[in-house]
N, C-alpha and C. Protein backbone atom coordinates (compact mmCIF):
# COMPACT_ATOMS: atom_id res chain seq x y z
N MET A 1 92.47 64.49 59.30
CA MET A 1 91.72 63.25 59.37
C MET A 1 91.08 63.14 60.76
N HIS A 2 89.82 62.79 60.79
CA HIS A 2 89.09 62.62 62.04
C HIS A 2 89.64 61.37 62.76
N PRO A 3 89.74 61.41 64.10
CA PRO A 3 90.28 60.26 64.84
C PRO A 3 89.56 58.94 64.54
N LYS A 4 88.24 59.00 64.36
CA LYS A 4 87.49 57.78 64.06
C LYS A 4 87.93 57.19 62.72
N GLU A 5 88.11 58.06 61.72
CA GLU A 5 88.55 57.61 60.41
C GLU A 5 89.95 56.99 60.50
N ALA A 6 90.81 57.59 61.32
CA ALA A 6 92.16 57.06 61.50
C ALA A 6 92.12 55.67 62.13
N LYS A 7 91.25 55.48 63.13
CA LYS A 7 91.12 54.17 63.78
C LYS A 7 90.62 53.12 62.80
N LEU A 8 89.62 53.49 61.98
CA LEU A 8 89.09 52.55 61.01
C LEU A 8 90.14 52.16 59.97
N ALA A 9 90.92 53.15 59.52
CA ALA A 9 91.98 52.88 58.54
C ALA A 9 93.04 51.95 59.12
N LEU A 10 93.44 52.23 60.37
CA LEU A 10 94.44 51.38 61.04
C LEU A 10 93.90 49.97 61.22
N ALA A 11 92.66 49.86 61.67
CA ALA A 11 92.06 48.53 61.88
C ALA A 11 92.01 47.76 60.56
N GLN A 12 91.62 48.44 59.48
CA GLN A 12 91.54 47.75 58.19
C GLN A 12 92.93 47.29 57.74
N GLU A 13 93.94 48.13 57.95
CA GLU A 13 95.30 47.76 57.56
C GLU A 13 95.79 46.54 58.34
N ILE A 14 95.51 46.49 59.64
CA ILE A 14 95.95 45.37 60.47
C ILE A 14 95.22 44.09 60.07
N VAL A 15 93.90 44.16 59.90
CA VAL A 15 93.13 42.98 59.51
C VAL A 15 93.56 42.51 58.13
N GLU A 16 93.82 43.45 57.23
CA GLU A 16 94.26 43.11 55.88
C GLU A 16 95.59 42.34 55.92
N ARG A 17 96.46 42.75 56.81
CA ARG A 17 97.78 42.12 56.92
C ARG A 17 97.65 40.64 57.32
N TYR A 18 96.71 40.33 58.20
CA TYR A 18 96.58 38.96 58.70
C TYR A 18 95.52 38.12 58.00
N HIS A 19 94.52 38.76 57.43
CA HIS A 19 93.41 38.02 56.83
C HIS A 19 93.16 38.34 55.36
N GLY A 20 93.99 39.17 54.77
CA GLY A 20 93.84 39.50 53.36
C GLY A 20 92.82 40.61 53.15
N LYS A 21 92.83 41.13 51.93
CA LYS A 21 91.95 42.26 51.57
C LYS A 21 90.48 41.90 51.71
N GLU A 22 90.12 40.69 51.25
CA GLU A 22 88.72 40.26 51.31
C GLU A 22 88.24 40.14 52.76
N GLY A 23 89.07 39.57 53.61
CA GLY A 23 88.74 39.43 55.03
C GLY A 23 88.58 40.79 55.71
N ALA A 24 89.43 41.74 55.32
CA ALA A 24 89.36 43.08 55.89
C ALA A 24 88.07 43.78 55.47
N LEU A 25 87.67 43.60 54.21
CA LEU A 25 86.43 44.23 53.74
C LEU A 25 85.22 43.63 54.43
N LYS A 26 85.21 42.30 54.63
CA LYS A 26 84.11 41.65 55.33
C LYS A 26 84.03 42.15 56.78
N ALA A 27 85.18 42.26 57.44
CA ALA A 27 85.22 42.73 58.83
C ALA A 27 84.72 44.16 58.93
N LYS A 28 85.11 44.99 57.97
CA LYS A 28 84.67 46.40 57.99
C LYS A 28 83.16 46.49 57.78
N GLU A 29 82.63 45.70 56.84
CA GLU A 29 81.18 45.69 56.59
C GLU A 29 80.42 45.24 57.83
N GLU A 30 80.90 44.18 58.48
CA GLU A 30 80.25 43.66 59.69
C GLU A 30 80.29 44.70 60.81
N PHE A 31 81.45 45.36 60.97
CA PHE A 31 81.58 46.40 61.99
C PHE A 31 80.58 47.53 61.73
N ASN A 32 80.51 48.01 60.50
CA ASN A 32 79.58 49.08 60.16
C ASN A 32 78.13 48.66 60.36
N LYS A 33 77.83 47.42 60.01
CA LYS A 33 76.48 46.90 60.16
C LYS A 33 76.05 46.90 61.62
N ILE A 34 76.94 46.45 62.50
CA ILE A 34 76.59 46.31 63.92
C ILE A 34 76.65 47.65 64.65
N PHE A 35 77.72 48.40 64.47
CA PHE A 35 77.93 49.59 65.30
C PHE A 35 77.44 50.89 64.67
N ALA A 36 77.59 51.05 63.38
CA ALA A 36 77.15 52.30 62.75
C ALA A 36 75.66 52.26 62.44
N LYS A 37 75.20 51.13 61.90
CA LYS A 37 73.79 51.02 61.51
C LYS A 37 72.93 50.37 62.59
N LYS A 38 73.59 49.87 63.65
CA LYS A 38 72.91 49.24 64.80
C LYS A 38 72.04 48.06 64.40
N ASN A 39 72.52 47.26 63.45
CA ASN A 39 71.83 46.04 63.07
C ASN A 39 72.35 44.87 63.87
N ILE A 40 71.77 43.72 63.64
CA ILE A 40 72.17 42.52 64.35
C ILE A 40 73.21 41.77 63.51
N PRO A 41 74.26 41.22 64.14
CA PRO A 41 75.29 40.49 63.38
C PRO A 41 74.74 39.24 62.71
N GLU A 42 75.47 38.76 61.71
CA GLU A 42 75.07 37.57 60.96
C GLU A 42 75.17 36.30 61.81
N ASP A 43 76.34 36.10 62.40
CA ASP A 43 76.59 34.84 63.12
C ASP A 43 76.49 35.06 64.64
N ILE A 44 75.35 34.69 65.18
CA ILE A 44 75.09 34.85 66.60
C ILE A 44 75.05 33.47 67.24
N GLU A 45 75.62 33.36 68.44
CA GLU A 45 75.53 32.11 69.18
C GLU A 45 74.09 31.82 69.56
N TYR A 46 73.76 30.55 69.62
CA TYR A 46 72.43 30.14 70.05
C TYR A 46 72.45 29.79 71.53
N TYR A 47 71.33 30.07 72.18
CA TYR A 47 71.10 29.60 73.54
C TYR A 47 69.79 28.86 73.54
N VAL A 48 69.76 27.64 74.04
CA VAL A 48 68.55 26.84 74.08
C VAL A 48 67.94 26.93 75.47
N MET A 49 66.73 27.50 75.54
CA MET A 49 66.03 27.60 76.83
C MET A 49 65.68 26.21 77.30
N LYS A 50 65.82 25.99 78.61
CA LYS A 50 65.52 24.69 79.18
C LYS A 50 64.06 24.53 79.54
N LYS A 51 63.37 25.67 79.72
CA LYS A 51 61.95 25.65 80.07
C LYS A 51 61.20 26.54 79.09
N GLY A 52 59.89 26.38 79.03
CA GLY A 52 59.05 27.18 78.13
C GLY A 52 58.92 28.62 78.60
N GLU A 53 59.16 28.86 79.89
CA GLU A 53 59.13 30.22 80.40
C GLU A 53 60.17 30.38 81.50
N MET A 54 60.88 31.50 81.45
CA MET A 54 61.94 31.78 82.43
C MET A 54 61.99 33.28 82.65
N LYS A 55 62.48 33.66 83.84
CA LYS A 55 62.69 35.08 84.10
C LYS A 55 63.83 35.58 83.22
N LEU A 56 63.72 36.81 82.77
CA LEU A 56 64.73 37.39 81.88
C LEU A 56 66.12 37.34 82.52
N SER A 57 66.22 37.67 83.81
CA SER A 57 67.52 37.65 84.49
C SER A 57 68.11 36.24 84.50
N ASP A 58 67.26 35.21 84.66
CA ASP A 58 67.75 33.83 84.64
C ASP A 58 68.28 33.45 83.26
N ILE A 59 67.60 33.90 82.21
CA ILE A 59 68.07 33.63 80.85
C ILE A 59 69.44 34.25 80.64
N LEU A 60 69.62 35.50 81.11
CA LEU A 60 70.90 36.19 80.93
C LEU A 60 72.03 35.46 81.64
N VAL A 61 71.77 34.96 82.85
CA VAL A 61 72.80 34.24 83.61
C VAL A 61 73.07 32.88 82.99
N GLU A 62 72.02 32.11 82.70
CA GLU A 62 72.20 30.75 82.17
C GLU A 62 72.83 30.74 80.78
N SER A 63 72.61 31.79 80.01
CA SER A 63 73.20 31.85 78.67
C SER A 63 74.63 32.40 78.71
N ALA A 64 75.12 32.72 79.90
CA ALA A 64 76.48 33.23 80.13
C ALA A 64 76.71 34.61 79.51
N MET A 65 75.64 35.38 79.37
CA MET A 65 75.79 36.76 78.88
C MET A 65 76.25 37.67 80.02
N VAL A 66 75.91 37.30 81.24
CA VAL A 66 76.36 38.01 82.46
C VAL A 66 76.82 36.95 83.45
N SER A 67 77.57 37.39 84.44
CA SER A 67 78.13 36.42 85.39
C SER A 67 77.28 36.22 86.64
N SER A 68 76.36 37.15 86.93
CA SER A 68 75.54 37.00 88.13
C SER A 68 74.15 37.59 87.91
N LYS A 69 73.26 37.20 88.80
CA LYS A 69 71.89 37.69 88.71
C LYS A 69 71.84 39.19 89.01
N ASN A 70 72.70 39.65 89.92
CA ASN A 70 72.74 41.10 90.23
C ASN A 70 73.18 41.89 89.01
N GLU A 71 74.17 41.38 88.29
CA GLU A 71 74.63 42.06 87.07
C GLU A 71 73.51 42.10 86.03
N ALA A 72 72.77 40.99 85.93
CA ALA A 72 71.65 40.92 84.99
C ALA A 72 70.60 41.97 85.34
N LYS A 73 70.25 42.05 86.60
CA LYS A 73 69.23 43.02 87.05
C LYS A 73 69.70 44.45 86.82
N ARG A 74 70.99 44.70 87.03
CA ARG A 74 71.54 46.04 86.81
C ARG A 74 71.44 46.44 85.34
N PHE A 75 71.81 45.52 84.45
CA PHE A 75 71.69 45.78 83.01
C PHE A 75 70.23 46.07 82.63
N ILE A 76 69.32 45.26 83.16
CA ILE A 76 67.90 45.41 82.83
C ILE A 76 67.39 46.77 83.31
N GLU A 77 67.66 47.11 84.58
CA GLU A 77 67.17 48.36 85.15
C GLU A 77 67.74 49.59 84.45
N GLN A 78 68.97 49.49 83.95
CA GLN A 78 69.61 50.62 83.28
C GLN A 78 69.27 50.70 81.79
N GLY A 79 68.41 49.80 81.32
CA GLY A 79 67.98 49.83 79.92
C GLY A 79 69.00 49.27 78.95
N GLY A 80 69.90 48.42 79.42
CA GLY A 80 70.94 47.86 78.55
C GLY A 80 70.58 46.54 77.92
N VAL A 81 69.32 46.10 78.07
CA VAL A 81 68.90 44.81 77.51
C VAL A 81 67.81 45.04 76.47
N LYS A 82 67.97 44.37 75.33
CA LYS A 82 66.97 44.45 74.27
C LYS A 82 66.55 43.05 73.86
N ILE A 83 65.24 42.91 73.60
CA ILE A 83 64.71 41.66 73.06
C ILE A 83 64.16 42.01 71.68
N ASP A 84 64.74 41.40 70.66
CA ASP A 84 64.38 41.72 69.27
C ASP A 84 64.38 43.24 69.03
N SER A 85 65.46 43.89 69.45
CA SER A 85 65.71 45.32 69.25
C SER A 85 64.78 46.23 70.05
N GLN A 86 63.98 45.66 70.97
CA GLN A 86 63.09 46.47 71.82
C GLN A 86 63.68 46.52 73.22
N LYS A 87 63.97 47.73 73.69
CA LYS A 87 64.56 47.90 75.01
C LYS A 87 63.56 47.50 76.10
N THR A 88 64.04 46.82 77.13
CA THR A 88 63.20 46.46 78.26
C THR A 88 63.90 46.88 79.55
N GLU A 89 63.12 47.36 80.50
CA GLU A 89 63.66 47.78 81.79
C GLU A 89 63.01 47.04 82.94
N GLU A 90 62.38 45.91 82.64
CA GLU A 90 61.73 45.09 83.67
C GLU A 90 62.22 43.66 83.57
N ASP A 91 62.40 43.03 84.75
CA ASP A 91 62.80 41.63 84.82
C ASP A 91 61.52 40.80 84.87
N PHE A 92 60.98 40.48 83.70
CA PHE A 92 59.72 39.77 83.61
C PHE A 92 59.93 38.33 83.19
N VAL A 93 58.89 37.53 83.28
CA VAL A 93 58.93 36.14 82.85
C VAL A 93 58.74 36.11 81.33
N VAL A 94 59.72 35.54 80.64
CA VAL A 94 59.66 35.42 79.19
C VAL A 94 59.01 34.09 78.85
N LYS A 95 57.86 34.16 78.19
CA LYS A 95 57.17 32.94 77.73
C LYS A 95 57.59 32.73 76.28
N PHE A 96 58.19 31.58 76.05
CA PHE A 96 58.72 31.32 74.72
C PHE A 96 57.60 31.07 73.73
N GLU A 97 57.52 31.92 72.72
CA GLU A 97 56.55 31.76 71.65
C GLU A 97 57.23 31.56 70.31
N LYS A 98 58.35 32.26 70.12
CA LYS A 98 59.13 32.12 68.89
C LYS A 98 60.58 32.48 69.20
N GLU A 99 61.46 32.12 68.31
CA GLU A 99 62.88 32.45 68.43
C GLU A 99 63.04 33.96 68.54
N PHE A 100 63.96 34.43 69.41
CA PHE A 100 64.21 35.86 69.52
C PHE A 100 65.69 36.13 69.77
N VAL A 101 66.09 37.38 69.53
CA VAL A 101 67.48 37.79 69.73
C VAL A 101 67.55 38.63 70.99
N LEU A 102 68.45 38.26 71.86
CA LEU A 102 68.68 38.95 73.12
C LEU A 102 69.98 39.73 73.00
N GLN A 103 69.98 40.99 73.40
CA GLN A 103 71.17 41.84 73.28
C GLN A 103 71.44 42.54 74.60
N ILE A 104 72.71 42.55 75.00
CA ILE A 104 73.15 43.31 76.16
C ILE A 104 74.19 44.29 75.67
N GLY A 105 73.97 45.56 75.94
CA GLY A 105 74.89 46.59 75.49
C GLY A 105 74.98 46.61 73.97
N LYS A 106 76.15 46.97 73.47
CA LYS A 106 76.34 47.06 72.02
C LYS A 106 76.91 45.80 71.40
N ARG A 107 77.52 44.94 72.22
CA ARG A 107 78.33 43.87 71.65
C ARG A 107 77.89 42.45 71.92
N LYS A 108 77.05 42.21 72.91
CA LYS A 108 76.70 40.83 73.26
C LYS A 108 75.32 40.48 72.70
N PHE A 109 75.29 39.41 71.90
CA PHE A 109 74.07 38.96 71.28
C PHE A 109 73.92 37.45 71.47
N LYS A 110 72.69 36.98 71.64
CA LYS A 110 72.38 35.54 71.65
C LYS A 110 71.03 35.35 70.98
N ARG A 111 70.93 34.31 70.18
CA ARG A 111 69.66 33.94 69.57
C ARG A 111 69.07 32.86 70.48
N VAL A 112 67.90 33.12 71.04
CA VAL A 112 67.29 32.22 72.01
C VAL A 112 66.24 31.36 71.34
N VAL A 113 66.39 30.04 71.55
CA VAL A 113 65.45 29.08 71.01
C VAL A 113 65.01 28.16 72.15
N TYR A 114 63.93 27.44 71.93
CA TYR A 114 63.42 26.50 72.93
C TYR A 114 63.20 25.15 72.27
N ARG A 115 63.77 24.12 72.85
CA ARG A 115 63.58 22.76 72.35
C ARG A 115 62.92 21.94 73.46
N ARG A 116 61.85 21.24 73.11
CA ARG A 116 61.14 20.42 74.11
C ARG A 116 61.82 19.11 74.33
């Protein structure tokens, strides 16, 4: 058995024990959707922009996706930030035109909206 298959089987058994068979199947599907197929998760937290335009690094800090502006800039420069699945390597001013999904790395997602 491949180590990855063993990890998935163990994870399913543990989740099944605490959340039942149906919960384990849902968790497995969500895991495969996000990590194997690289899709966006179903339930993403919302972040409401306070202004119609903000620098990308400011959005990352204010939405609590990163703890500092330096960390935000590092993620951006290293290509770890995606806007609607498009990688960006520049800290530019984001002008809000429509709702978008912001992603850092493989696991952090926020749906960004703007309310006047």
